[in-house]
Each structure stands twice: as structure tokens, then as C-alpha cells.
Amino acid sequence: MNSLLPFFSTNRPYDEVLSWLKQQLSHAGLRVMQTFDLRLTASLKLGNCACPHHGTDTCDCQMIVLLIYGNAPEPATLILHGNDGLSWLSLIDRPGQQADVKTVNAIHQALGIQASAGI
């Protein structure tokens, strides 16, 4: 699986999706730990952003990294990205940082998403 290819997208604002995501994963018995918040580092003016307002006061870009713990010793890493009222969820799954299949399946089940090929 491409490590940054979104497996879920929605026409909902980032903060609504983050709240829903945490609730769904928690109800499924998964532990969620937030490790990075783009808004807290916005002063760094990071590049590679598709937002037409990036770097201005009207920019609503947001990205957060969540570690999702199931029964495996290592967590799965999810990235939630949002801007312009849209949100995308990506799973990091690459050599050296492979996501546990059972944890990934539990995430998909909790979110009501069909597992994609290769997971």
C-alpha cells in the first residue's frame, strides 16, 4: 500500500471528522494517541499544500497524526488531513513501519470501511 494514499475521504470539515474518528475508534476498543498537529506548527510555513490560502490568515489546512493501538505491540499510524471543508484519512503502511493487519482491519471495521486490497 502507498503510505500516503488516502483510503477514506469525506465532504465534512476536519474537526467534525476528527471528533467522529476518535469516537468510532474508542467505541471499537482501540486506543488513540494524537502525536502531531499541523496547527501547532503552522508558523513553520510548511510547503506542498494545495490550499489556495496557505500561509494566509484564511488558510484552513489541518493535518494530524494519530497512533492507533490495538492488541499488537506497535500502533498503526493514521494521518488525517483537511482543508476547504474536505477531509482525507491515510494509513502509513510501508517497510519499516508496517501496520498490523488485525489493527488495520479493526480500524476499517470501526469506521465502516471495506478493507482495500493489499491490507
C-alpha atoms as a PDB file:
ATOM      1  CA  MET A   1       0.000   0.000   0.000  1.00  0.00           C
ATOM      2  CA  ASN A   2       1.203   3.509  -0.773  1.00  0.00           C
ATOM      3  CA  SER A   3       1.987   5.025   2.605  1.00  0.00           C
ATOM      4  CA  LEU A   4       0.127   8.301   1.967  1.00  0.00           C
ATOM      5  CA  LEU A   5      -2.678   7.234  -0.331  1.00  0.00           C
ATOM      6  CA  PRO A   6      -5.998   8.155   1.320  1.00  0.00           C
ATOM      7  CA  PHE A   7      -8.304   5.221   1.985  1.00  0.00           C
ATOM      8  CA  PHE A   8     -11.183   7.402   3.160  1.00  0.00           C
ATOM      9  CA  SER A   9     -12.400  10.845   2.148  1.00  0.00           C
ATOM     10  CA  THR A  10     -15.473  12.862   3.011  1.00  0.00           C
ATOM     11  CA  ASN A  11     -17.066  16.223   2.326  1.00  0.00           C
ATOM     12  CA  ARG A  12     -17.026  17.014   6.035  1.00  0.00           C
ATOM     13  CA  PRO A  13     -14.840  19.546   7.872  1.00  0.00           C
ATOM     14  CA  TYR A  14     -11.686  18.281   9.524  1.00  0.00           C
ATOM     15  CA  ASP A  15     -12.750  18.959  13.123  1.00  0.00           C
ATOM     16  CA  GLU A  16     -16.028  17.045  12.671  1.00  0.00           C
ATOM     17  CA  VAL A  17     -14.158  14.097  11.157  1.00  0.00           C
ATOM     18  CA  LEU A  18     -11.534  14.108  13.927  1.00  0.00           C
ATOM     19  CA  SER A  19     -14.201  14.003  16.624  1.00  0.00           C
ATOM     20  CA  TRP A  20     -16.115  11.220  14.806  1.00  0.00           C
ATOM     21  CA  LEU A  21     -12.880   9.290  14.167  1.00  0.00           C
ATOM     22  CA  LYS A  22     -11.812   9.348  17.819  1.00  0.00           C
ATOM     23  CA  GLN A  23     -15.287   8.322  18.957  1.00  0.00           C
ATOM     24  CA  GLN A  24     -15.596   5.424  16.494  1.00  0.00           C
ATOM     25  CA  LEU A  25     -12.132   4.064  17.261  1.00  0.00           C
ATOM     26  CA  SER A  26     -12.661   4.369  21.019  1.00  0.00           C
ATOM     27  CA  HIS A  27     -16.005   2.558  20.845  1.00  0.00           C
ATOM     28  CA  ALA A  28     -14.224  -0.252  18.970  1.00  0.00           C
ATOM     29  CA  GLY A  29     -11.784  -0.682  21.863  1.00  0.00           C
ATOM     30  CA  LEU A  30      -8.847   0.947  20.082  1.00  0.00           C
ATOM     31  CA  ARG A  31      -6.673   3.478  21.894  1.00  0.00           C
ATOM     32  CA  VAL A  32      -5.985   6.757  20.086  1.00  0.00           C
ATOM     33  CA  MET A  33      -2.973   8.941  20.780  1.00  0.00           C
ATOM     34  CA  GLN A  34      -2.503  12.255  18.994  1.00  0.00           C
ATOM     35  CA  THR A  35       1.167  12.893  18.174  1.00  0.00           C
ATOM     36  CA  PHE A  36       1.269  15.801  15.704  1.00  0.00           C
ATOM     37  CA  ASP A  37      -0.952  18.778  14.960  1.00  0.00           C
ATOM     38  CA  LEU A  38      -0.167  20.999  11.971  1.00  0.00           C
ATOM     39  CA  ARG A  39      -1.918  23.997  13.529  1.00  0.00           C
ATOM     40  CA  LEU A  40       0.625  23.940  16.343  1.00  0.00           C
ATOM     41  CA  THR A  41       3.454  24.121  13.788  1.00  0.00           C
ATOM     42  CA  ALA A  42       1.749  26.481  11.317  1.00  0.00           C
ATOM     43  CA  SER A  43       4.334  29.152  11.935  1.00  0.00           C
ATOM     44  CA  LEU A  44       6.854  26.892  10.176  1.00  0.00           C
ATOM     45  CA  LYS A  45       5.109  27.602   6.831  1.00  0.00           C
ATOM     46  CA  LEU A  46       5.458  24.050   5.544  1.00  0.00           C
ATOM     47  CA  GLY A  47       5.284  23.659   1.752  1.00  0.00           C
ATOM     48  CA  ASN A  48       3.468  21.193  -0.544  1.00  0.00           C
ATOM     49  CA  CYS A  49      -0.013  22.408   0.299  1.00  0.00           C
ATOM     50  CA  ALA A  50      -2.863  22.563  -2.227  1.00  0.00           C
ATOM     51  CA  CYS A  51      -4.761  25.187  -0.236  1.00  0.00           C
ATOM     52  CA  PRO A  52      -5.120  28.435  -2.234  1.00  0.00           C
ATOM     53  CA  HIS A  53      -4.899  30.366   1.052  1.00  0.00           C
ATOM     54  CA  HIS A  54      -1.906  28.520   2.507  1.00  0.00           C
ATOM     55  CA  GLY A  55       0.278  30.830   4.514  1.00  0.00           C
ATOM     56  CA  THR A  56      -2.502  33.387   4.985  1.00  0.00           C
ATOM     57  CA  ASP A  57      -4.966  34.008   7.794  1.00  0.00           C
ATOM     58  CA  THR A  58      -7.755  32.363   5.780  1.00  0.00           C
ATOM     59  CA  CYS A  59      -5.885  29.045   5.392  1.00  0.00           C
ATOM     60  CA  ASP A  60      -7.832  26.208   6.970  1.00  0.00           C
ATOM     61  CA  CYS A  61      -5.335  23.429   6.229  1.00  0.00           C
ATOM     62  CA  GLN A  62      -5.027  20.919   9.011  1.00  0.00           C
ATOM     63  CA  MET A  63      -3.162  17.678   9.440  1.00  0.00           C
ATOM     64  CA  ILE A  64      -2.891  15.475  12.455  1.00  0.00           C
ATOM     65  CA  VAL A  65      -1.069  12.221  13.109  1.00  0.00           C
ATOM     66  CA  LEU A  66      -2.749   9.622  15.295  1.00  0.00           C
ATOM     67  CA  LEU A  67      -1.265   6.428  16.689  1.00  0.00           C
ATOM     68  CA  ILE A  68      -3.913   3.725  16.942  1.00  0.00           C
ATOM     69  CA  TYR A  69      -3.240   0.932  19.417  1.00  0.00           C
ATOM     70  CA  GLY A  70      -4.975  -2.401  19.209  1.00  0.00           C
ATOM     71  CA  ASN A  71      -3.648  -5.698  20.578  1.00  0.00           C
ATOM     72  CA  ALA A  72      -0.395  -5.566  18.576  1.00  0.00           C
ATOM     73  CA  PRO A  73       2.702  -4.166  20.298  1.00  0.00           C
ATOM     74  CA  GLU A  74       3.124  -1.483  17.620  1.00  0.00           C
ATOM     75  CA  PRO A  75       0.438   1.067  16.740  1.00  0.00           C
ATOM     76  CA  ALA A  76      -0.994   1.822  13.329  1.00  0.00           C
ATOM     77  CA  THR A  77      -0.328   5.390  12.175  1.00  0.00           C
ATOM     78  CA  LEU A  78      -3.197   7.394  10.705  1.00  0.00           C
ATOM     79  CA  ILE A  79      -2.920  10.813   9.099  1.00  0.00           C
ATOM     80  CA  LEU A  80      -5.998  13.000   8.925  1.00  0.00           C
ATOM     81  CA  HIS A  81      -5.717  15.904   6.509  1.00  0.00           C
ATOM     82  CA  GLY A  82      -8.353  18.500   5.842  1.00  0.00           C
ATOM     83  CA  ASN A  83      -8.904  21.780   4.065  1.00  0.00           C
ATOM     84  CA  ASP A  84     -11.672  23.666   2.347  1.00  0.00           C
ATOM     85  CA  GLY A  85     -14.360  21.614   4.136  1.00  0.00           C
ATOM     86  CA  LEU A  86     -12.971  18.267   2.912  1.00  0.00           C
ATOM     87  CA  SER A  87     -11.083  15.581   4.842  1.00  0.00           C
ATOM     88  CA  TRP A  88      -8.884  12.595   3.942  1.00  0.00           C
ATOM     89  CA  LEU A  89      -7.612   9.736   6.060  1.00  0.00           C
ATOM     90  CA  SER A  90      -4.409   7.854   5.203  1.00  0.00           C
ATOM     91  CA  LEU A  91      -2.750   4.876   6.835  1.00  0.00           C
ATOM     92  CA  ILE A  92       1.027   4.583   6.995  1.00  0.00           C
ATOM     93  CA  ASP A  93       1.933   1.093   5.839  1.00  0.00           C
ATOM     94  CA  ARG A  94       5.422   0.720   4.419  1.00  0.00           C
ATOM     95  CA  PRO A  95       8.532  -1.344   5.053  1.00  0.00           C
ATOM     96  CA  GLY A  96       9.932  -0.386   8.424  1.00  0.00           C
ATOM     97  CA  GLN A  97       6.562   0.928   9.579  1.00  0.00           C
ATOM     98  CA  GLN A  98       4.102  -1.778   8.668  1.00  0.00           C
ATOM     99  CA  ALA A  99       0.667  -1.656  10.161  1.00  0.00           C
ATOM    100  CA  ASP A 100      -0.601  -4.765  11.926  1.00  0.00           C
ATOM    101  CA  VAL A 101      -3.272  -6.393   9.761  1.00  0.00           C
ATOM    102  CA  LYS A 102      -5.608  -7.032  12.716  1.00  0.00           C
ATOM    103  CA  THR A 103      -5.334  -3.413  13.858  1.00  0.00           C
ATOM    104  CA  VAL A 104      -5.968  -2.152  10.315  1.00  0.00           C
ATOM    105  CA  ASN A 105      -8.999  -4.422   9.987  1.00  0.00           C
ATOM    106  CA  ALA A 106     -10.296  -3.172  13.357  1.00  0.00           C
ATOM    107  CA  ILE A 107      -9.880   0.438  12.163  1.00  0.00           C
ATOM    108  CA  HIS A 108     -11.729  -0.267   8.924  1.00  0.00           C
ATOM    109  CA  GLN A 109     -14.493  -2.090  10.788  1.00  0.00           C
ATOM    110  CA  ALA A 110     -14.828   0.725  13.337  1.00  0.00           C
ATOM    111  CA  LEU A 111     -15.150   3.268  10.537  1.00  0.00           C
ATOM    112  CA  GLY A 112     -17.457   1.113   8.427  1.00  0.00           C
ATOM    113  CA  ILE A 113     -14.958   0.973   5.558  1.00  0.00           C
ATOM    114  CA  GLN A 114     -14.312  -2.022   3.336  1.00  0.00           C
ATOM    115  CA  ALA A 115     -10.674  -3.137   3.611  1.00  0.00           C
ATOM    116  CA  SER A 116      -8.725  -2.420   0.452  1.00  0.00           C
ATOM    117  CA  ALA A 117      -6.577  -4.922  -1.400  1.00  0.00           C
ATOM    118  CA  GLY A 118      -3.078  -5.248  -0.026  1.00  0.00           C
ATOM    119  CA  ILE A 119      -4.077  -4.713   3.604  1.00  0.00           C
END
